[in-house]
Amino acid sequence: MLNRTSILAIVFALTTAVGSAQNEKPQQTEVDSLSMDLEEEGVTIMDTLTVKKKRINPLAPSKAAFYSAVLPGLGQIYNKRYWKVPIVYAAIGTGIYAYTFNDNRYDRFRAAFKRRRAGFTDDEFYDLDGSGIDPGNPDFSDDALEDAQERFQRDRDLSLLITILLYALNVVDANVDAHLKQYNIDDDLSLQMDIRPFMDVDPITTNPNYGLALTVKF
């Protein structure tokens, strides 16, 4: 039977062999072959790696935000997010349409209310059904005109606020998207672990101590 020292020595030998195998580069020949082929064609490995590296432009987010501020959707085009352009124009266009619609209705009801207050009976809401003008009995009362203009004024202001928010969201989206496009996902960020065996001698008992050393690289 094997004693404790023999078992530890076998474990140490096996661990050393595994560690040596991990440190080997079995694809070195392939890399060298690829390097020689590329050099024959006038291309170096350094050039190939440089092409794969993507340079980060720190001004890209600011440019994208500026372009979207000048013209909505232009920042999305700068970021090559072309599919977002119809969404931007649909959202902002809807807000502008809602503002225009409510502003037009507000102006009409306000003009009619002002003429009604001035004593006129010729506004467009006085005789809607075409039954004839009956002084003192309009189809739309003065109170109805006042309520309508207040409602359309409120909806108009709300539409303007929503349109401004959509415009600002368009700028923020372009800026954030430009930041995310430059997010570093390079292989250099991978986790590397190195396991190596070690042995030391106890200074008191002179017995060998075996162990493993773990090195983590980010």
C-alpha atoms as a PDB file:
ATOM      1  CA  MET A   1       0.000   0.000   0.000  1.00  0.00           C
ATOM      2  CA  LEU A   2       1.088   3.568  -0.649  1.00  0.00           C
ATOM      3  CA  ASN A   3       1.851   5.812   2.284  1.00  0.00           C
ATOM      4  CA  ARG A   4       0.695   9.421   2.637  1.00  0.00           C
ATOM      5  CA  THR A   5       3.882  10.862   1.172  1.00  0.00           C
ATOM      6  CA  SER A   6       3.669   8.689  -1.928  1.00  0.00           C
ATOM      7  CA  ILE A   7       0.034   9.629  -2.560  1.00  0.00           C
ATOM      8  CA  LEU A   8       0.831  13.329  -2.240  1.00  0.00           C
ATOM      9  CA  ALA A   9       3.782  12.952  -4.586  1.00  0.00           C
ATOM     10  CA  ILE A  10       1.545  11.293  -7.230  1.00  0.00           C
ATOM     11  CA  VAL A  11      -1.085  14.046  -6.865  1.00  0.00           C
ATOM     12  CA  PHE A  12       1.614  16.669  -7.197  1.00  0.00           C
ATOM     13  CA  ALA A  13       2.987  15.033 -10.343  1.00  0.00           C
ATOM     14  CA  LEU A  14      -0.455  14.796 -11.945  1.00  0.00           C
ATOM     15  CA  THR A  15      -1.240  18.404 -11.072  1.00  0.00           C
ATOM     16  CA  THR A  16       2.072  19.523 -12.537  1.00  0.00           C
ATOM     17  CA  ALA A  17       1.308  17.685 -15.759  1.00  0.00           C
ATOM     18  CA  VAL A  18      -2.140  19.299 -15.987  1.00  0.00           C
ATOM     19  CA  GLY A  19      -0.663  22.741 -15.338  1.00  0.00           C
ATOM     20  CA  SER A  20       1.960  22.205 -18.019  1.00  0.00           C
ATOM     21  CA  ALA A  21      -0.688  21.097 -20.489  1.00  0.00           C
ATOM     22  CA  GLN A  22      -2.713  24.223 -19.796  1.00  0.00           C
ATOM     23  CA  ASN A  23       0.269  26.434 -20.450  1.00  0.00           C
ATOM     24  CA  GLU A  24       1.003  24.835 -23.804  1.00  0.00           C
ATOM     25  CA  LYS A  25      -0.216  26.492 -26.998  1.00  0.00           C
ATOM     26  CA  PRO A  26      -1.343  23.655 -29.282  1.00  0.00           C
ATOM     27  CA  GLN A  27      -2.404  26.083 -32.018  1.00  0.00           C
ATOM     28  CA  GLN A  28       0.959  27.813 -32.220  1.00  0.00           C
ATOM     29  CA  THR A  29       1.757  25.982 -35.452  1.00  0.00           C
ATOM     30  CA  GLU A  30      -1.492  27.121 -37.010  1.00  0.00           C
ATOM     31  CA  VAL A  31      -0.857  30.689 -35.944  1.00  0.00           C
ATOM     32  CA  ASP A  32       2.659  30.552 -37.360  1.00  0.00           C
ATOM     33  CA  SER A  33       1.322  29.101 -40.608  1.00  0.00           C
ATOM     34  CA  LEU A  34      -1.289  31.799 -40.822  1.00  0.00           C
ATOM     35  CA  SER A  35       1.337  34.407 -40.075  1.00  0.00           C
ATOM     36  CA  MET A  36       3.620  33.098 -42.831  1.00  0.00           C
ATOM     37  CA  ASP A  37       0.760  32.975 -45.349  1.00  0.00           C
ATOM     38  CA  LEU A  38      -0.295  36.503 -44.529  1.00  0.00           C
ATOM     39  CA  GLU A  39       3.267  37.812 -44.662  1.00  0.00           C
ATOM     40  CA  GLU A  40       3.691  36.265 -48.106  1.00  0.00           C
ATOM     41  CA  GLU A  41       0.623  38.227 -49.210  1.00  0.00           C
ATOM     42  CA  GLY A  42       2.010  41.434 -47.756  1.00  0.00           C
ATOM     43  CA  VAL A  43      -0.278  41.471 -44.706  1.00  0.00           C
ATOM     44  CA  THR A  44       1.070  41.238 -41.173  1.00  0.00           C
ATOM     45  CA  ILE A  45      -0.635  39.882 -38.101  1.00  0.00           C
ATOM     46  CA  MET A  46      -0.399  43.301 -36.489  1.00  0.00           C
ATOM     47  CA  ASP A  47      -2.319  44.823 -39.405  1.00  0.00           C
ATOM     48  CA  THR A  48      -5.018  42.187 -39.108  1.00  0.00           C
ATOM     49  CA  LEU A  49      -5.435  42.795 -35.397  1.00  0.00           C
ATOM     50  CA  THR A  50      -5.524  46.536 -35.939  1.00  0.00           C
ATOM     51  CA  VAL A  51      -8.372  46.180 -38.420  1.00  0.00           C
ATOM     52  CA  LYS A  52     -10.394  44.155 -35.899  1.00  0.00           C
ATOM     53  CA  LYS A  53      -9.914  46.735 -33.179  1.00  0.00           C
ATOM     54  CA  LYS A  54     -12.657  49.335 -33.087  1.00  0.00           C
ATOM     55  CA  ARG A  55     -11.637  52.850 -32.187  1.00  0.00           C
ATOM     56  CA  ILE A  56     -13.819  54.695 -29.713  1.00  0.00           C
ATOM     57  CA  ASN A  57     -14.891  58.198 -30.644  1.00  0.00           C
ATOM     58  CA  PRO A  58     -15.620  60.097 -27.402  1.00  0.00           C
ATOM     59  CA  LEU A  59     -17.405  62.859 -29.345  1.00  0.00           C
ATOM     60  CA  ALA A  60     -19.856  60.505 -31.069  1.00  0.00           C
ATOM     61  CA  PRO A  61     -22.590  60.773 -28.375  1.00  0.00           C
ATOM     62  CA  SER A  62     -22.391  64.568 -28.432  1.00  0.00           C
ATOM     63  CA  LYS A  63     -22.560  64.629 -32.221  1.00  0.00           C
ATOM     64  CA  ALA A  64     -25.551  62.303 -32.279  1.00  0.00           C
ATOM     65  CA  ALA A  65     -27.392  64.433 -29.718  1.00  0.00           C
ATOM     66  CA  PHE A  66     -26.579  67.627 -31.623  1.00  0.00           C
ATOM     67  CA  TYR A  67     -27.793  66.203 -34.921  1.00  0.00           C
ATOM     68  CA  SER A  68     -31.080  65.066 -33.366  1.00  0.00           C
ATOM     69  CA  ALA A  69     -31.513  68.475 -31.766  1.00  0.00           C
ATOM     70  CA  VAL A  70     -31.050  70.192 -35.136  1.00  0.00           C
ATOM     71  CA  LEU A  71     -33.286  67.759 -37.030  1.00  0.00           C
ATOM     72  CA  PRO A  72     -35.207  64.951 -35.260  1.00  0.00           C
ATOM     73  CA  GLY A  73     -34.096  61.564 -36.541  1.00  0.00           C
ATOM     74  CA  LEU A  74     -30.746  62.801 -37.864  1.00  0.00           C
ATOM     75  CA  GLY A  75     -28.920  61.497 -34.792  1.00  0.00           C
ATOM     76  CA  GLN A  76     -30.484  58.067 -35.314  1.00  0.00           C
ATOM     77  CA  ILE A  77     -29.220  58.127 -38.905  1.00  0.00           C
ATOM     78  CA  TYR A  78     -25.748  59.070 -37.608  1.00  0.00           C
ATOM     79  CA  ASN A  79     -25.900  56.027 -35.297  1.00  0.00           C
ATOM     80  CA  LYS A  80     -27.069  53.894 -38.249  1.00  0.00           C
ATOM     81  CA  ARG A  81     -30.312  53.080 -36.456  1.00  0.00           C
ATOM     82  CA  TYR A  82     -32.380  53.746 -39.554  1.00  0.00           C
ATOM     83  CA  TRP A  83     -35.397  51.795 -38.302  1.00  0.00           C
ATOM     84  CA  LYS A  84     -35.888  54.358 -35.529  1.00  0.00           C
ATOM     85  CA  VAL A  85     -36.359  57.294 -37.913  1.00  0.00           C
ATOM     86  CA  PRO A  86     -40.003  56.448 -38.830  1.00  0.00           C
ATOM     87  CA  ILE A  87     -40.800  56.009 -35.139  1.00  0.00           C
ATOM     88  CA  VAL A  88     -39.321  59.413 -34.296  1.00  0.00           C
ATOM     89  CA  TYR A  89     -41.263  61.185 -37.040  1.00  0.00           C
ATOM     90  CA  ALA A  90     -44.482  59.319 -36.262  1.00  0.00           C
ATOM     91  CA  ALA A  91     -44.291  60.254 -32.574  1.00  0.00           C
ATOM     92  CA  ILE A  92     -43.377  63.906 -33.077  1.00  0.00           C
ATOM     93  CA  GLY A  93     -45.725  64.221 -36.058  1.00  0.00           C
ATOM     94  CA  THR A  94     -48.627  62.919 -33.983  1.00  0.00           C
ATOM     95  CA  GLY A  95     -47.871  65.456 -31.274  1.00  0.00           C
ATOM     96  CA  ILE A  96     -47.739  68.305 -33.806  1.00  0.00           C
ATOM     97  CA  TYR A  97     -51.003  67.166 -35.418  1.00  0.00           C
ATOM     98  CA  ALA A  98     -52.751  67.025 -32.035  1.00  0.00           C
ATOM     99  CA  TYR A  99     -51.488  70.510 -31.166  1.00  0.00           C
ATOM    100  CA  THR A 100     -52.628  71.943 -34.525  1.00  0.00           C
ATOM    101  CA  PHE A 101     -56.053  70.306 -34.282  1.00  0.00           C
ATOM    102  CA  ASN A 102     -56.762  71.568 -30.780  1.00  0.00           C
ATOM    103  CA  ASP A 103     -55.361  75.025 -31.496  1.00  0.00           C
ATOM    104  CA  ASN A 104     -57.618  75.378 -34.529  1.00  0.00           C
ATOM    105  CA  ARG A 105     -60.708  74.345 -32.528  1.00  0.00           C
ATOM    106  CA  TYR A 106     -59.720  76.679 -29.704  1.00  0.00           C
ATOM    107  CA  ASP A 107     -59.434  79.644 -32.070  1.00  0.00           C
ATOM    108  CA  ARG A 108     -62.838  78.928 -33.623  1.00  0.00           C
ATOM    109  CA  PHE A 109     -64.689  78.624 -30.323  1.00  0.00           C
ATOM    110  CA  ARG A 110     -62.888  81.614 -28.855  1.00  0.00           C
ATOM    111  CA  ALA A 111     -63.753  83.819 -31.862  1.00  0.00           C
ATOM    112  CA  ALA A 112     -67.403  82.735 -31.661  1.00  0.00           C
ATOM    113  CA  PHE A 113     -67.513  83.341 -27.904  1.00  0.00           C
ATOM    114  CA  LYS A 114     -66.040  86.857 -28.295  1.00  0.00           C
ATOM    115  CA  ARG A 115     -68.599  87.770 -30.985  1.00  0.00           C
ATOM    116  CA  ARG A 116     -71.395  86.353 -28.901  1.00  0.00           C
ATOM    117  CA  ARG A 117     -70.291  88.500 -25.982  1.00  0.00           C
ATOM    118  CA  ALA A 118     -70.247  91.514 -28.283  1.00  0.00           C
ATOM    119  CA  GLY A 119     -73.915  90.924 -29.145  1.00  0.00           C
ATOM    120  CA  PHE A 120     -73.574  89.362 -32.596  1.00  0.00           C
ATOM    121  CA  THR A 121     -75.521  86.300 -33.723  1.00  0.00           C
ATOM    122  CA  ASP A 122     -73.582  85.489 -36.900  1.00  0.00           C
ATOM    123  CA  ASP A 123     -70.981  83.039 -35.545  1.00  0.00           C
ATOM    124  CA  GLU A 124     -70.736  79.531 -36.985  1.00  0.00           C
ATOM    125  CA  PHE A 125     -72.109  77.846 -33.850  1.00  0.00           C
ATOM    126  CA  TYR A 126     -75.270  79.937 -33.494  1.00  0.00           C
ATOM    127  CA  ASP A 127     -77.257  78.051 -36.140  1.00  0.00           C
ATOM    128  CA  LEU A 128     -75.639  74.648 -36.649  1.00  0.00           C
ATOM    129  CA  ASP A 129     -78.741  72.767 -37.803  1.00  0.00           C
ATOM    130  CA  GLY A 130     -79.721  75.392 -40.376  1.00  0.00           C
ATOM    131  CA  SER A 131     -83.158  75.965 -38.871  1.00  0.00           C
ATOM    132  CA  GLY A 132     -82.692  79.710 -38.981  1.00  0.00           C
ATOM    133  CA  ILE A 133     -81.330  82.253 -36.560  1.00  0.00           C
ATOM    134  CA  ASP A 134     -83.537  82.594 -33.526  1.00  0.00           C
ATOM    135  CA  PRO A 135     -82.222  85.489 -31.411  1.00  0.00           C
ATOM    136  CA  GLY A 136     -81.746  84.412 -27.810  1.00  0.00           C
ATOM    137  CA  ASN A 137     -81.943  80.699 -28.672  1.00  0.00           C
ATOM    138  CA  PRO A 138     -78.592  79.619 -30.257  1.00  0.00           C
ATOM    139  CA  ASP A 139     -77.674  76.010 -30.963  1.00  0.00           C
ATOM    140  CA  PHE A 140     -74.515  76.542 -28.896  1.00  0.00           C
ATOM    141  CA  SER A 141     -75.041  78.585 -25.751  1.00  0.00           C
ATOM    142  CA  ASP A 142     -72.478  81.053 -24.437  1.00  0.00           C
ATOM    143  CA  ASP A 143     -71.580  78.668 -21.630  1.00  0.00           C
ATOM    144  CA  ALA A 144     -71.074  75.815 -24.110  1.00  0.00           C
ATOM    145  CA  LEU A 145     -68.733  77.994 -26.169  1.00  0.00           C
ATOM    146  CA  GLU A 146     -66.731  78.933 -23.078  1.00  0.00           C
ATOM    147  CA  ASP A 147     -66.448  75.306 -21.941  1.00  0.00           C
ATOM    148  CA  ALA A 148     -65.374  74.194 -25.429  1.00  0.00           C
ATOM    149  CA  GLN A 149     -62.640  76.797 -25.773  1.00  0.00           C
ATOM    150  CA  GLU A 150     -61.288  75.961 -22.311  1.00  0.00           C
ATOM    151  CA  ARG A 151     -61.246  72.236 -23.137  1.00  0.00           C
ATOM    152  CA  PHE A 152     -59.465  72.716 -26.467  1.00  0.00           C
ATOM    153  CA  GLN A 153     -57.022  75.139 -24.850  1.00  0.00           C
ATOM    154  CA  ARG A 154     -56.170  72.542 -22.226  1.00  0.00           C
ATOM    155  CA  ASP A 155     -55.766  69.802 -24.838  1.00  0.00           C
ATOM    156  CA  ARG A 156     -53.646  72.119 -26.986  1.00  0.00           C
ATOM    157  CA  ASP A 157     -51.266  72.911 -24.128  1.00  0.00           C
ATOM    158  CA  LEU A 158     -51.029  69.222 -23.224  1.00  0.00           C
ATOM    159  CA  SER A 159     -50.249  68.325 -26.836  1.00  0.00           C
ATOM    160  CA  LEU A 160     -47.485  70.938 -26.908  1.00  0.00           C
ATOM    161  CA  LEU A 161     -45.958  69.563 -23.723  1.00  0.00           C
ATOM    162  CA  ILE A 162     -46.040  65.995 -25.039  1.00  0.00           C
ATOM    163  CA  THR A 163     -44.468  67.099 -28.334  1.00  0.00           C
ATOM    164  CA  ILE A 164     -41.619  68.819 -26.488  1.00  0.00           C
ATOM    165  CA  LEU A 165     -41.045  65.704 -24.386  1.00  0.00           C
ATOM    166  CA  LEU A 166     -40.971  63.519 -27.509  1.00  0.00           C
ATOM    167  CA  TYR A 167     -38.462  65.902 -29.096  1.00  0.00           C
ATOM    168  CA  ALA A 168     -36.254  65.719 -25.994  1.00  0.00           C
ATOM    169  CA  LEU A 169     -36.607  61.926 -25.933  1.00  0.00           C
ATOM    170  CA  ASN A 170     -35.399  61.832 -29.529  1.00  0.00           C
ATOM    171  CA  VAL A 171     -32.225  63.704 -28.489  1.00  0.00           C
ATOM    172  CA  VAL A 172     -31.662  61.516 -25.415  1.00  0.00           C
ATOM    173  CA  ASP A 173     -32.167  58.329 -27.440  1.00  0.00           C
ATOM    174  CA  ALA A 174     -29.527  59.374 -29.975  1.00  0.00           C
ATOM    175  CA  ASN A 175     -27.047  60.233 -27.216  1.00  0.00           C
ATOM    176  CA  VAL A 176     -27.569  57.018 -25.218  1.00  0.00           C
ATOM    177  CA  ASP A 177     -27.540  54.852 -28.330  1.00  0.00           C
ATOM    178  CA  ALA A 178     -24.189  56.337 -29.376  1.00  0.00           C
ATOM    179  CA  HIS A 179     -22.803  55.527 -25.909  1.00  0.00           C
ATOM    180  CA  LEU A 180     -24.046  51.931 -26.051  1.00  0.00           C
ATOM    181  CA  LYS A 181     -22.585  51.389 -29.529  1.00  0.00           C
ATOM    182  CA  GLN A 182     -19.115  52.060 -28.093  1.00  0.00           C
ATOM    183  CA  TYR A 183     -19.563  49.791 -25.092  1.00  0.00           C
ATOM    184  CA  ASN A 184     -16.392  47.728 -24.782  1.00  0.00           C
ATOM    185  CA  ILE A 185     -17.090  44.037 -25.343  1.00  0.00           C
ATOM    186  CA  ASP A 186     -13.588  43.156 -26.489  1.00  0.00           C
ATOM    187  CA  ASP A 187     -12.088  39.745 -25.719  1.00  0.00           C
ATOM    188  CA  ASP A 188      -9.513  41.473 -23.532  1.00  0.00           C
ATOM    189  CA  LEU A 189     -12.223  41.759 -20.869  1.00  0.00           C
ATOM    190  CA  SER A 190     -12.461  37.969 -20.517  1.00  0.00           C
ATOM    191  CA  LEU A 191     -11.629  36.251 -17.243  1.00  0.00           C
ATOM    192  CA  GLN A 192      -8.401  34.244 -17.196  1.00  0.00           C
ATOM    193  CA  MET A 193      -7.582  31.709 -14.483  1.00  0.00           C
ATOM    194  CA  ASP A 194      -4.216  30.056 -13.973  1.00  0.00           C
ATOM    195  CA  ILE A 195      -3.790  27.086 -11.597  1.00  0.00           C
ATOM    196  CA  ARG A 196      -0.271  26.104 -10.587  1.00  0.00           C
ATOM    197  CA  PRO A 197       0.876  23.525  -8.040  1.00  0.00           C
ATOM    198  CA  PHE A 198       3.431  24.390  -5.380  1.00  0.00           C
ATOM    199  CA  MET A 199       5.424  22.583  -2.679  1.00  0.00           C
ATOM    200  CA  ASP A 200       7.194  23.885   0.389  1.00  0.00           C
ATOM    201  CA  VAL A 201       8.864  22.291   3.382  1.00  0.00           C
ATOM    202  CA  ASP A 202       7.725  22.770   6.955  1.00  0.00           C
ATOM    203  CA  PRO A 203      10.750  24.300   8.761  1.00  0.00           C
ATOM    204  CA  ILE A 204       9.878  22.477  12.010  1.00  0.00           C
ATOM    205  CA  THR A 205       8.906  18.968  10.922  1.00  0.00           C
ATOM    206  CA  THR A 206      10.690  19.090   7.537  1.00  0.00           C
ATOM    207  CA  ASN A 207       7.611  17.492   6.008  1.00  0.00           C
ATOM    208  CA  PRO A 208       6.711  18.572   2.480  1.00  0.00           C
ATOM    209  CA  ASN A 209       3.488  20.522   1.987  1.00  0.00           C
ATOM    210  CA  TYR A 210       1.671  20.378  -1.327  1.00  0.00           C
ATOM    211  CA  GLY A 211      -0.943  22.785  -2.661  1.00  0.00           C
ATOM    212  CA  LEU A 212      -2.362  24.717  -5.590  1.00  0.00           C
ATOM    213  CA  ALA A 213      -1.987  28.427  -6.401  1.00  0.00           C
ATOM    214  CA  LEU A 214      -4.912  30.110  -8.177  1.00  0.00           C
ATOM    215  CA  THR A 215      -4.262  33.290 -10.177  1.00  0.00           C
ATOM    216  CA  VAL A 216      -7.197  35.252 -11.571  1.00  0.00           C
ATOM    217  CA  LYS A 217      -6.675  37.915 -14.266  1.00  0.00           C
ATOM    218  CA  PHE A 218      -9.382  40.270 -15.491  1.00  0.00           C
END
